[in-house]
PDB file of N, CA and C in Angstrom:
ATOM      1  N   MET A   1     -57.865  -5.397 -28.608  1.00  0.00           N
ATOM      2  CA  MET A   1     -58.759  -6.797 -28.394  1.00  0.00           C
ATOM      3  C   MET A   1     -58.825  -6.564 -26.720  1.00  0.00           C
ATOM      4  N   VAL A   2     -59.569  -7.455 -26.104  1.00  0.00           N
ATOM      5  CA  VAL A   2     -59.527  -8.099 -25.074  1.00  0.00           C
ATOM      6  C   VAL A   2     -59.334  -8.978 -24.809  1.00  0.00           C
ATOM      7  N   ASP A   3     -59.008  -9.560 -23.676  1.00  0.00           N
ATOM      8  CA  ASP A   3     -57.604 -11.355 -23.944  1.00  0.00           C
ATOM      9  C   ASP A   3     -58.829 -11.621 -22.749  1.00  0.00           C
ATOM     10  N   ARG A   4     -59.386 -12.532 -23.355  1.00  0.00           N
ATOM     11  CA  ARG A   4     -60.503 -13.151 -22.653  1.00  0.00           C
ATOM     12  C   ARG A   4     -60.468 -14.796 -22.105  1.00  0.00           C
ATOM     13  N   ARG A   5     -58.538 -14.936 -21.904  1.00  0.00           N
ATOM     14  CA  ARG A   5     -58.521 -16.252 -21.612  1.00  0.00           C
ATOM     15  C   ARG A   5     -58.157 -16.244 -19.948  1.00  0.00           C
ATOM     16  N   ASP A   6     -58.080 -17.448 -19.120  1.00  0.00           N
ATOM     17  CA  ASP A   6     -58.384 -17.237 -17.843  1.00  0.00           C
ATOM     18  C   ASP A   6     -56.489 -17.389 -17.511  1.00  0.00           C
ATOM     19  N   ASP A   7     -56.750 -16.661 -16.960  1.00  0.00           N
ATOM     20  CA  ASP A   7     -55.377 -16.809 -16.724  1.00  0.00           C
ATOM     21  C   ASP A   7     -54.409 -17.529 -15.698  1.00  0.00           C
ATOM     22  N   ALA A   8     -55.798 -19.110 -14.723  1.00  0.00           N
ATOM     23  CA  ALA A   8     -54.913 -20.208 -14.371  1.00  0.00           C
ATOM     24  C   ALA A   8     -54.940 -20.611 -14.861  1.00  0.00           C
ATOM     25  N   ASP A   9     -55.768 -20.855 -16.360  1.00  0.00           N
ATOM     26  CA  ASP A   9     -55.696 -22.472 -16.980  1.00  0.00           C
ATOM     27  C   ASP A   9     -54.917 -22.326 -18.245  1.00  0.00           C
ATOM     28  N   GLY A  10     -55.186 -21.191 -19.180  1.00  0.00           N
ATOM     29  CA  GLY A  10     -55.150 -20.693 -20.543  1.00  0.00           C
ATOM     30  C   GLY A  10     -56.145 -20.895 -21.075  1.00  0.00           C
ATOM     31  N   ARG A  11     -56.904 -21.402 -20.787  1.00  0.00           N
ATOM     32  CA  ARG A  11     -57.986 -21.702 -21.719  1.00  0.00           C
ATOM     33  C   ARG A  11     -58.893 -20.398 -22.039  1.00  0.00           C
ATOM     34  N   GLU A  12     -60.145 -20.164 -23.206  1.00  0.00           N
ATOM     35  CA  GLU A  12     -60.583 -19.154 -23.105  1.00  0.00           C
ATOM     36  C   GLU A  12     -61.572 -18.895 -22.003  1.00  0.00           C
ATOM     37  N   ALA A  13     -62.183 -17.985 -21.121  1.00  0.00           N
ATOM     38  CA  ALA A  13     -63.238 -17.924 -20.455  1.00  0.00           C
ATOM     39  C   ALA A  13     -64.293 -17.500 -21.175  1.00  0.00           C
ATOM     40  N   GLY A  14     -65.379 -18.095 -20.964  1.00  0.00           N
ATOM     41  CA  GLY A  14     -66.779 -17.447 -21.243  1.00  0.00           C
ATOM     42  C   GLY A  14     -66.956 -15.607 -21.156  1.00  0.00           C
ATOM     43  N   PRO A  15     -68.344 -15.866 -21.589  1.00  0.00           N
ATOM     44  CA  PRO A  15     -68.682 -14.369 -20.948  1.00  0.00           C
ATOM     45  C   PRO A  15     -68.373 -13.995 -19.704  1.00  0.00           C
ATOM     46  N   PRO A  16     -68.835 -12.560 -19.743  1.00  0.00           N
ATOM     47  CA  PRO A  16     -68.412 -12.547 -17.772  1.00  0.00           C
ATOM     48  C   PRO A  16     -69.747 -13.165 -17.317  1.00  0.00           C
ATOM     49  N   ARG A  17     -69.144 -13.967 -16.142  1.00  0.00           N
ATOM     50  CA  ARG A  17     -70.439 -14.486 -15.465  1.00  0.00           C
ATOM     51  C   ARG A  17     -71.663 -13.454 -15.054  1.00  0.00           C
ATOM     52  N   ARG A  18     -71.316 -12.413 -14.246  1.00  0.00           N
ATOM     53  CA  ARG A  18     -72.686 -11.711 -13.680  1.00  0.00           C
ATOM     54  C   ARG A  18     -73.345 -11.252 -14.599  1.00  0.00           C
ATOM     55  N   GLU A  19     -72.798 -10.610 -16.009  1.00  0.00           N
ATOM     56  CA  GLU A  19     -73.232  -9.840 -17.055  1.00  0.00           C
ATOM     57  C   GLU A  19     -74.567 -11.132 -17.642  1.00  0.00           C
ATOM     58  N   PHE A  20     -73.693 -12.322 -17.907  1.00  0.00           N
ATOM     59  CA  PHE A  20     -74.585 -13.181 -18.930  1.00  0.00           C
ATOM     60  C   PHE A  20     -75.273 -13.499 -18.275  1.00  0.00           C
ATOM     61  N   ALA A  21     -75.541 -14.114 -16.673  1.00  0.00           N
ATOM     62  CA  ALA A  21     -76.076 -14.424 -16.046  1.00  0.00           C
ATOM     63  C   ALA A  21     -77.395 -13.674 -15.748  1.00  0.00           C
ATOM     64  N   GLU A  22     -76.998 -12.173 -15.782  1.00  0.00           N
ATOM     65  CA  GLU A  22     -78.659 -11.513 -15.712  1.00  0.00           C
ATOM     66  C   GLU A  22     -78.973 -11.561 -16.964  1.00  0.00           C
ATOM     67  N   ARG A  23     -78.141 -11.721 -18.539  1.00  0.00           N
ATOM     68  CA  ARG A  23     -79.304 -11.107 -19.335  1.00  0.00           C
ATOM     69  C   ARG A  23     -79.343 -12.563 -19.162  1.00  0.00           C
ATOM     70  N   VAL A  24     -79.306 -13.944 -19.531  1.00  0.00           N
ATOM     71  CA  VAL A  24     -80.141 -14.729 -19.213  1.00  0.00           C
ATOM     72  C   VAL A  24     -81.162 -14.852 -18.045  1.00  0.00           C
ATOM     73  N   GLN A  25     -81.245 -15.218 -17.513  1.00  0.00           N
ATOM     74  CA  GLN A  25     -82.424 -14.274 -16.481  1.00  0.00           C
ATOM     75  C   GLN A  25     -83.603 -13.713 -17.349  1.00  0.00           C
ATOM     76  N   ALA A  26     -83.265 -12.528 -17.163  1.00  0.00           N
ATOM     77  CA  ALA A  26     -84.055 -11.186 -18.257  1.00  0.00           C
ATOM     78  C   ALA A  26     -84.652 -11.925 -19.446  1.00  0.00           C
ATOM     79  N   ALA A  27     -83.830 -12.627 -20.266  1.00  0.00           N
ATOM     80  CA  ALA A  27     -84.674 -13.448 -21.272  1.00  0.00           C
ATOM     81  C   ALA A  27     -85.617 -14.628 -20.704  1.00  0.00           C
ATOM     82  N   VAL A  28     -85.205 -15.645 -19.493  1.00  0.00           N
ATOM     83  CA  VAL A  28     -86.176 -16.517 -18.967  1.00  0.00           C
ATOM     84  C   VAL A  28     -87.618 -15.488 -18.945  1.00  0.00           C
ATOM     85  N   ALA A  29     -87.275 -14.827 -17.855  1.00  0.00           N
ATOM     86  CA  ALA A  29     -88.448 -14.174 -17.134  1.00  0.00           C
ATOM     87  C   ALA A  29     -89.497 -13.711 -18.104  1.00  0.00           C
ATOM     88  N   ALA A  30     -88.839 -13.345 -19.346  1.00  0.00           N
ATOM     89  CA  ALA A  30     -90.047 -12.694 -20.177  1.00  0.00           C
ATOM     90  C   ALA A  30     -90.279 -13.894 -21.494  1.00  0.00           C
ATOM     91  N   LEU A  31     -90.735 -14.201 -20.948  1.00  0.00           N
ATOM     92  CA  LEU A  31     -90.974 -15.744 -21.691  1.00  0.00           C
ATOM     93  C   LEU A  31     -92.314 -15.609 -21.079  1.00  0.00           C
ATOM     94  N   GLY A  32     -93.593 -15.631 -21.780  1.00  0.00           N
ATOM     95  CA  GLY A  32     -95.003 -15.831 -21.396  1.00  0.00           C
ATOM     96  C   GLY A  32     -95.508 -17.476 -22.018  1.00  0.00           C
ATOM     97  N   ALA A  33     -96.434 -17.840 -20.938  1.00  0.00           N
ATOM     98  CA  ALA A  33     -97.431 -18.694 -20.479  1.00  0.00           C
ATOM     99  C   ALA A  33     -97.015 -20.164 -21.944  1.00  0.00           C
ATOM    100  N   GLY A  34     -96.534 -20.927 -21.852  1.00  0.00           N
ATOM    101  CA  GLY A  34     -96.534 -21.791 -23.169  1.00  0.00           C
ATOM    102  C   GLY A  34     -95.913 -21.244 -24.324  1.00  0.00           C
ATOM    103  N   GLU A  35     -95.326 -20.736 -23.958  1.00  0.00           N
ATOM    104  CA  GLU A  35     -94.023 -19.923 -24.863  1.00  0.00           C
ATOM    105  C   GLU A  35     -92.337 -20.942 -24.931  1.00  0.00           C
ATOM    106  N   VAL A  36     -92.296 -21.616 -25.188  1.00  0.00           N
ATOM    107  CA  VAL A  36     -91.461 -22.941 -25.336  1.00  0.00           C
ATOM    108  C   VAL A  36     -89.881 -22.163 -26.150  1.00  0.00           C
ATOM    109  N   VAL A  37     -88.733 -22.141 -25.689  1.00  0.00           N
ATOM    110  CA  VAL A  37     -87.503 -21.703 -26.777  1.00  0.00           C
ATOM    111  C   VAL A  37     -86.158 -22.471 -25.855  1.00  0.00           C
ATOM    112  N   THR A  38     -85.379 -22.723 -27.132  1.00  0.00           N
ATOM    113  CA  THR A  38     -84.178 -23.279 -26.583  1.00  0.00           C
ATOM    114  C   THR A  38     -83.074 -22.740 -26.581  1.00  0.00           C
ATOM    115  N   TYR A  39     -82.374 -23.222 -25.628  1.00  0.00           N
ATOM    116  CA  TYR A  39     -81.289 -22.616 -24.993  1.00  0.00           C
ATOM    117  C   TYR A  39     -80.196 -21.715 -25.963  1.00  0.00           C
ATOM    118  N   GLY A  40     -80.250 -22.572 -26.954  1.00  0.00           N
ATOM    119  CA  GLY A  40     -79.075 -21.470 -28.090  1.00  0.00           C
ATOM    120  C   GLY A  40     -80.194 -20.164 -28.016  1.00  0.00           C
ATOM    121  N   GLU A  41     -81.568 -20.186 -28.054  1.00  0.00           N
ATOM    122  CA  GLU A  41     -82.255 -19.494 -28.387  1.00  0.00           C
ATOM    123  C   GLU A  41     -82.486 -18.064 -27.089  1.00  0.00           C
ATOM    124  N   ILE A  42     -82.004 -18.593 -25.950  1.00  0.00           N
ATOM    125  CA  ILE A  42     -81.634 -17.723 -24.922  1.00  0.00           C
ATOM    126  C   ILE A  42     -80.517 -17.033 -25.013  1.00  0.00           C
ATOM    127  N   ALA A  43     -79.751 -18.140 -25.526  1.00  0.00           N
ATOM    128  CA  ALA A  43     -78.805 -17.193 -25.230  1.00  0.00           C
ATOM    129  C   ALA A  43     -78.241 -16.272 -26.353  1.00  0.00           C
ATOM    130  N   GLU A  44     -78.427 -16.588 -27.495  1.00  0.00           N
ATOM    131  CA  GLU A  44     -78.831 -15.226 -28.679  1.00  0.00           C
ATOM    132  C   GLU A  44     -79.321 -14.469 -28.116  1.00  0.00           C
ATOM    133  N   ALA A  45     -80.482 -14.445 -27.358  1.00  0.00           N
ATOM    134  CA  ALA A  45     -81.657 -13.487 -26.412  1.00  0.00           C
ATOM    135  C   ALA A  45     -80.787 -12.650 -25.925  1.00  0.00           C
ATOM    136  N   ALA A  46     -80.075 -13.173 -25.618  1.00  0.00           N
ATOM    137  CA  ALA A  46     -78.956 -12.689 -24.503  1.00  0.00           C
ATOM    138  C   ALA A  46     -77.769 -12.094 -24.892  1.00  0.00           C
ATOM    139  N   GLY A  47     -77.409 -12.156 -26.024  1.00  0.00           N
ATOM    140  CA  GLY A  47     -75.945 -11.149 -26.750  1.00  0.00           C
ATOM    141  C   GLY A  47     -75.121 -12.383 -26.816  1.00  0.00           C
ATOM    142  N   TYR A  48     -75.505 -13.600 -26.856  1.00  0.00           N
ATOM    143  CA  TYR A  48     -74.280 -14.977 -26.752  1.00  0.00           C
ATOM    144  C   TYR A  48     -74.271 -15.646 -27.456  1.00  0.00           C
ATOM    145  N   PRO A  49     -74.772 -15.602 -28.613  1.00  0.00           N
ATOM    146  CA  PRO A  49     -74.633 -16.641 -29.150  1.00  0.00           C
ATOM    147  C   PRO A  49     -73.633 -17.873 -29.203  1.00  0.00           C
ATOM    148  N   GLY A  50     -74.074 -18.659 -29.205  1.00  0.00           N
ATOM    149  CA  GLY A  50     -73.172 -20.427 -29.272  1.00  0.00           C
ATOM    150  C   GLY A  50     -73.223 -20.679 -27.710  1.00  0.00           C
ATOM    151  N   ALA A  51     -73.787 -20.269 -26.787  1.00  0.00           N
ATOM    152  CA  ALA A  51     -74.000 -20.127 -25.546  1.00  0.00           C
ATOM    153  C   ALA A  51     -74.793 -21.232 -24.742  1.00  0.00           C
ATOM    154  N   ALA A  52     -75.183 -22.106 -25.371  1.00  0.00           N
ATOM    155  CA  ALA A  52     -76.412 -22.554 -25.205  1.00  0.00           C
ATOM    156  C   ALA A  52     -76.206 -23.293 -23.588  1.00  0.00           C
ATOM    157  N   ARG A  53     -74.825 -23.831 -23.623  1.00  0.00           N
ATOM    158  CA  ARG A  53     -74.526 -24.714 -22.442  1.00  0.00           C
ATOM    159  C   ARG A  53     -74.257 -23.865 -21.358  1.00  0.00           C
ATOM    160  N   ALA A  54     -74.142 -22.524 -21.590  1.00  0.00           N
ATOM    161  CA  ALA A  54     -73.720 -21.715 -20.767  1.00  0.00           C
ATOM    162  C   ALA A  54     -75.311 -21.485 -20.019  1.00  0.00           C
ATOM    163  N   VAL A  55     -75.983 -21.516 -20.927  1.00  0.00           N
ATOM    164  CA  VAL A  55     -77.644 -21.168 -20.100  1.00  0.00           C
ATOM    165  C   VAL A  55     -78.060 -22.372 -19.583  1.00  0.00           C
ATOM    166  N   GLY A  56     -78.083 -22.921 -19.888  1.00  0.00           N
ATOM    167  CA  GLY A  56     -78.468 -24.419 -18.535  1.00  0.00           C
ATOM    168  C   GLY A  56     -77.828 -23.991 -17.585  1.00  0.00           C
ATOM    169  N   ALA A  57     -76.264 -23.960 -17.848  1.00  0.00           N
ATOM    170  CA  ALA A  57     -75.879 -24.184 -16.368  1.00  0.00           C
ATOM    171  C   ALA A  57     -76.136 -22.361 -15.400  1.00  0.00           C
ATOM    172  N   VAL A  58     -76.583 -21.827 -15.804  1.00  0.00           N
ATOM    173  CA  VAL A  58     -77.648 -20.600 -15.223  1.00  0.00           C
ATOM    174  C   VAL A  58     -78.601 -20.928 -14.360  1.00  0.00           C
ATOM    175  N   LEU A  59     -78.928 -21.784 -15.349  1.00  0.00           N
ATOM    176  CA  LEU A  59     -81.026 -22.583 -14.872  1.00  0.00           C
ATOM    177  C   LEU A  59     -80.664 -23.117 -14.494  1.00  0.00           C
ATOM    178  N   ALA A  60     -80.161 -23.791 -14.191  1.00  0.00           N
ATOM    179  CA  ALA A  60     -79.763 -24.948 -13.211  1.00  0.00           C
ATOM    180  C   ALA A  60     -79.249 -24.408 -11.792  1.00  0.00           C
ATOM    181  N   ALA A  61     -78.364 -23.599 -11.507  1.00  0.00           N
ATOM    182  CA  ALA A  61     -78.052 -22.900 -11.071  1.00  0.00           C
ATOM    183  C   ALA A  61     -78.973 -21.854  -9.937  1.00  0.00           C
ATOM    184  N   SER A  62     -80.353 -21.507 -10.839  1.00  0.00           N
ATOM    185  CA  SER A  62     -80.782 -20.652 -10.707  1.00  0.00           C
ATOM    186  C   SER A  62     -81.728 -21.364  -9.017  1.00  0.00           C
ATOM    187  N   ASP A  63     -83.162 -20.403  -8.628  1.00  0.00           N
ATOM    188  CA  ASP A  63     -83.297 -20.434  -6.951  1.00  0.00           C
ATOM    189  C   ASP A  63     -84.524 -21.022  -7.567  1.00  0.00           C
ATOM    190  N   GLY A  64     -84.966 -21.288  -9.040  1.00  0.00           N
ATOM    191  CA  GLY A  64     -86.124 -21.681  -9.488  1.00  0.00           C
ATOM    192  C   GLY A  64     -87.621 -20.819  -9.513  1.00  0.00           C
ATOM    193  N   SER A  65     -87.049 -19.169  -9.502  1.00  0.00           N
ATOM    194  CA  SER A  65     -87.883 -17.864  -9.506  1.00  0.00           C
ATOM    195  C   SER A  65     -88.365 -17.710 -11.363  1.00  0.00           C
ATOM    196  N   LEU A  66     -87.487 -18.680 -11.982  1.00  0.00           N
ATOM    197  CA  LEU A  66     -87.492 -18.962 -13.244  1.00  0.00           C
ATOM    198  C   LEU A  66     -87.891 -19.579 -13.911  1.00  0.00           C
ATOM    199  N   PRO A  67     -89.111 -18.995 -14.989  1.00  0.00           N
ATOM    200  CA  PRO A  67     -89.841 -20.266 -15.387  1.00  0.00           C
ATOM    201  C   PRO A  67     -88.581 -21.467 -16.405  1.00  0.00           C
ATOM    202  N   TRP A  68     -88.081 -21.649 -15.624  1.00  0.00           N
ATOM    203  CA  TRP A  68     -87.298 -23.024 -16.646  1.00  0.00           C
ATOM    204  C   TRP A  68     -87.215 -23.670 -17.544  1.00  0.00           C
ATOM    205  N   TRP A  69     -88.729 -23.833 -17.429  1.00  0.00           N
ATOM    206  CA  TRP A  69     -90.032 -24.968 -17.875  1.00  0.00           C
ATOM    207  C   TRP A  69     -89.727 -24.912 -19.748  1.00  0.00           C
ATOM    208  N   ARG A  70     -89.575 -23.634 -19.755  1.00  0.00           N
ATOM    209  CA  ARG A  70     -89.872 -22.978 -21.044  1.00  0.00           C
ATOM    210  C   ARG A  70     -88.896 -22.863 -21.792  1.00  0.00           C
ATOM    211  N   VAL A  71     -88.004 -23.890 -21.452  1.00  0.00           N
ATOM    212  CA  VAL A  71     -86.339 -24.363 -21.831  1.00  0.00           C
ATOM    213  C   VAL A  71     -85.986 -25.417 -22.160  1.00  0.00           C
ATOM    214  N   VAL A  72     -85.737 -25.669 -23.494  1.00  0.00           N
ATOM    215  CA  VAL A  72     -85.545 -27.360 -23.960  1.00  0.00           C
ATOM    216  C   VAL A  72     -84.434 -26.959 -25.081  1.00  0.00           C
ATOM    217  N   THR A  73     -84.092 -28.242 -25.472  1.00  0.00           N
ATOM    218  CA  THR A  73     -83.034 -28.744 -26.558  1.00  0.00           C
ATOM    219  C   THR A  73     -83.510 -28.470 -27.730  1.00  0.00           C
ATOM    220  N   VAL A  74     -82.296 -28.307 -28.410  1.00  0.00           N
ATOM    221  CA  VAL A  74     -82.858 -27.356 -29.894  1.00  0.00           C
ATOM    222  C   VAL A  74     -83.729 -28.898 -30.514  1.00  0.00           C
ATOM    223  N   ASN A  75     -83.573 -30.277 -29.311  1.00  0.00           N
ATOM    224  CA  ASN A  75     -83.963 -31.052 -30.338  1.00  0.00           C
ATOM    225  C   ASN A  75     -85.915 -31.066 -29.631  1.00  0.00           C
ATOM    226  N   GLY A  76     -86.746 -29.988 -28.872  1.00  0.00           N
ATOM    227  CA  GLY A  76     -87.787 -30.280 -27.753  1.00  0.00           C
ATOM    228  C   GLY A  76     -87.263 -31.142 -26.444  1.00  0.00           C
ATOM    229  N   ARG A  77     -86.024 -31.825 -26.740  1.00  0.00           N
ATOM    230  CA  ARG A  77     -85.746 -32.912 -24.978  1.00  0.00           C
ATOM    231  C   ARG A  77     -85.809 -31.862 -23.939  1.00  0.00           C
ATOM    232  N   LEU A  78     -86.981 -32.299 -22.966  1.00  0.00           N
ATOM    233  CA  LEU A  78     -86.929 -31.688 -22.020  1.00  0.00           C
ATOM    234  C   LEU A  78     -85.639 -32.090 -20.880  1.00  0.00           C
ATOM    235  N   VAL A  79     -85.760 -31.787 -19.484  1.00  0.00           N
ATOM    236  CA  VAL A  79     -84.318 -31.931 -18.514  1.00  0.00           C
ATOM    237  C   VAL A  79     -84.279 -33.119 -18.112  1.00  0.00           C
ATOM    238  N   PRO A  80     -82.912 -34.120 -18.938  1.00  0.00           N
ATOM    239  CA  PRO A  80     -83.260 -35.064 -18.033  1.00  0.00           C
ATOM    240  C   PRO A  80     -83.132 -35.034 -16.426  1.00  0.00           C
ATOM    241  N   GLY A  81     -83.674 -36.449 -16.124  1.00  0.00           N
ATOM    242  CA  GLY A  81     -84.232 -36.379 -14.905  1.00  0.00           C
ATOM    243  C   GLY A  81     -85.531 -35.729 -14.150  1.00  0.00           C
ATOM    244  N   LEU A  82     -85.744 -34.313 -15.363  1.00  0.00           N
ATOM    245  CA  LEU A  82     -86.927 -33.784 -14.698  1.00  0.00           C
ATOM    246  C   LEU A  82     -87.807 -34.039 -15.119  1.00  0.00           C
ATOM    247  N   GLU A  83     -87.701 -35.233 -15.869  1.00  0.00           N
ATOM    248  CA  GLU A  83     -88.247 -34.630 -17.249  1.00  0.00           C
ATOM    249  C   GLU A  83     -90.810 -35.008 -16.787  1.00  0.00           C
ATOM    250  N   PRO A  84     -90.602 -36.020 -16.103  1.00  0.00           N
ATOM    251  CA  PRO A  84     -92.046 -35.772 -15.487  1.00  0.00           C
ATOM    252  C   PRO A  84     -92.223 -34.397 -14.795  1.00  0.00           C
ATOM    253  N   THR A  85     -92.261 -34.050 -13.836  1.00  0.00           N
ATOM    254  CA  THR A  85     -91.749 -32.298 -13.148  1.00  0.00           C
ATOM    255  C   THR A  85     -92.098 -31.388 -14.922  1.00  0.00           C
ATOM    256  N   HIS A  86     -91.210 -31.643 -15.571  1.00  0.00           N
ATOM    257  CA  HIS A  86     -91.039 -30.206 -16.666  1.00  0.00           C
ATOM    258  C   HIS A  86     -92.408 -30.851 -17.561  1.00  0.00           C
ATOM    259  N   ALA A  87     -92.102 -31.630 -18.048  1.00  0.00           N
ATOM    260  CA  ALA A  87     -93.646 -32.386 -18.701  1.00  0.00           C
ATOM    261  C   ALA A  87     -95.324 -31.498 -18.407  1.00  0.00           C
ATOM    262  N   ARG A  88     -95.258 -31.915 -16.689  1.00  0.00           N
ATOM    263  CA  ARG A  88     -96.513 -31.069 -16.317  1.00  0.00           C
ATOM    264  C   ARG A  88     -96.518 -30.025 -16.273  1.00  0.00           C
ATOM    265  N   LEU A  89     -95.203 -29.171 -15.833  1.00  0.00           N
ATOM    266  CA  LEU A  89     -95.293 -27.348 -16.004  1.00  0.00           C
ATOM    267  C   LEU A  89     -95.393 -27.293 -17.407  1.00  0.00           C
ATOM    268  N   LEU A  90     -94.464 -27.882 -18.753  1.00  0.00           N
ATOM    269  CA  LEU A  90     -95.486 -26.969 -19.848  1.00  0.00           C
ATOM    270  C   LEU A  90     -96.742 -27.462 -20.237  1.00  0.00           C
ATOM    271  N   GLU A  91     -97.388 -28.644 -20.174  1.00  0.00           N
ATOM    272  CA  GLU A  91     -99.118 -28.874 -20.348  1.00  0.00           C
ATOM    273  C   GLU A  91     -99.438 -28.160 -19.762  1.00  0.00           C
ATOM    274  N   ARG A  92     -99.118 -28.003 -18.243  1.00  0.00           N
ATOM    275  CA  ARG A  92    -100.313 -26.737 -17.710  1.00  0.00           C
ATOM    276  C   ARG A  92    -100.277 -24.857 -18.289  1.00  0.00           C
ATOM    277  N   GLU A  93     -99.758 -24.863 -18.994  1.00  0.00           N
ATOM    278  CA  GLU A  93     -99.948 -23.668 -20.207  1.00  0.00           C
ATOM    279  C   GLU A  93     -99.986 -24.324 -21.466  1.00  0.00           C
ATOM    280  N   GLY A  94    -100.660 -25.255 -21.571  1.00  0.00           N
ATOM    281  CA  GLY A  94    -101.209 -25.679 -23.368  1.00  0.00           C
ATOM    282  C   GLY A  94    -100.219 -26.707 -24.170  1.00  0.00           C
ATOM    283  N   VAL A  95     -98.998 -26.275 -23.478  1.00  0.00           N
ATOM    284  CA  VAL A  95     -97.954 -27.161 -24.861  1.00  0.00           C
ATOM    285  C   VAL A  95     -98.037 -28.797 -24.655  1.00  0.00           C
ATOM    286  N   VAL A  96     -98.121 -29.339 -25.956  1.00  0.00           N
ATOM    287  CA  VAL A  96     -98.124 -30.681 -26.205  1.00  0.00           C
ATOM    288  C   VAL A  96     -96.784 -31.219 -25.623  1.00  0.00           C
ATOM    289  N   VAL A  97     -96.074 -32.195 -24.960  1.00  0.00           N
ATOM    290  CA  VAL A  97     -95.647 -33.124 -24.582  1.00  0.00           C
ATOM    291  C   VAL A  97     -96.024 -34.103 -25.134  1.00  0.00           C
ATOM    292  N   ARG A  98     -94.555 -34.856 -25.887  1.00  0.00           N
ATOM    293  CA  ARG A  98     -94.612 -36.740 -26.470  1.00  0.00           C
ATOM    294  C   ARG A  98     -93.175 -36.874 -26.009  1.00  0.00           C
ATOM    295  N   SER A  99     -93.235 -38.399 -25.237  1.00  0.00           N
ATOM    296  CA  SER A  99     -91.976 -39.139 -25.222  1.00  0.00           C
ATOM    297  C   SER A  99     -90.625 -37.888 -24.673  1.00  0.00           C
ATOM    298  N   GLY A 100     -90.944 -37.071 -23.984  1.00  0.00           N
ATOM    299  CA  GLY A 100     -89.860 -36.279 -23.316  1.00  0.00           C
ATOM    300  C   GLY A 100     -89.572 -35.264 -23.994  1.00  0.00           C
ATOM    301  N   ARG A 101     -90.756 -34.991 -25.484  1.00  0.00           N
ATOM    302  CA  ARG A 101     -89.921 -33.808 -25.758  1.00  0.00           C
ATOM    303  C   ARG A 101     -91.411 -33.398 -26.080  1.00  0.00           C
ATOM    304  N   VAL A 102     -91.080 -31.754 -26.568  1.00  0.00           N
ATOM    305  CA  VAL A 102     -91.848 -30.669 -26.900  1.00  0.00           C
ATOM    306  C   VAL A 102     -92.411 -31.107 -28.616  1.00  0.00           C
ATOM    307  N   ALA A 103     -92.969 -31.367 -29.033  1.00  0.00           N
ATOM    308  CA  ALA A 103     -93.576 -31.835 -30.504  1.00  0.00           C
ATOM    309  C   ALA A 103     -92.960 -30.484 -31.178  1.00  0.00           C
ATOM    310  N   ARG A 104     -92.876 -29.197 -30.831  1.00  0.00           N
ATOM    311  CA  ARG A 104     -91.866 -28.326 -31.697  1.00  0.00           C
ATOM    312  C   ARG A 104     -91.595 -27.093 -31.123  1.00  0.00           C
ATOM    313  N   PRO A 105     -90.575 -26.826 -30.201  1.00  0.00           N
ATOM    314  CA  PRO A 105     -90.449 -25.206 -30.011  1.00  0.00           C
ATOM    315  C   PRO A 105     -90.943 -24.729 -30.540  1.00  0.00           C
ATOM    316  N   ARG A 106     -91.891 -23.635 -29.575  1.00  0.00           N
ATOM    317  CA  ARG A 106     -92.235 -22.810 -30.626  1.00  0.00           C
ATOM    318  C   ARG A 106     -92.384 -21.422 -29.686  1.00  0.00           C
ATOM    319  N   ARG A 107     -92.016 -20.123 -30.406  1.00  0.00           N
ATOM    320  CA  ARG A 107     -91.785 -19.068 -29.730  1.00  0.00           C
ATOM    321  C   ARG A 107     -93.243 -17.729 -29.921  1.00  0.00           C
TER     322      ARG A 107
END
């Protein structure tokens, strides 16, 4: 078994960063217009179920070239602070947004 603890503080490290980021980026890049998935679904597609928050971190650190707006929370919520932009981008693709949420995340 591989020891995944961070030697500096003894906490368990997450997935290998570069590999994880590349898998997340590939999964998000593969989403088509109007396709909406959750952070958890992207984590699972990348091979790291349960790493939804880490998916958010990868998308937040990206250069904006990925279709980040196609990813929402498990409850369909949009990115806090970016709701108007997030909603506008989704609505351009035919996705219904109400009260800062996607009516039903769909794949």
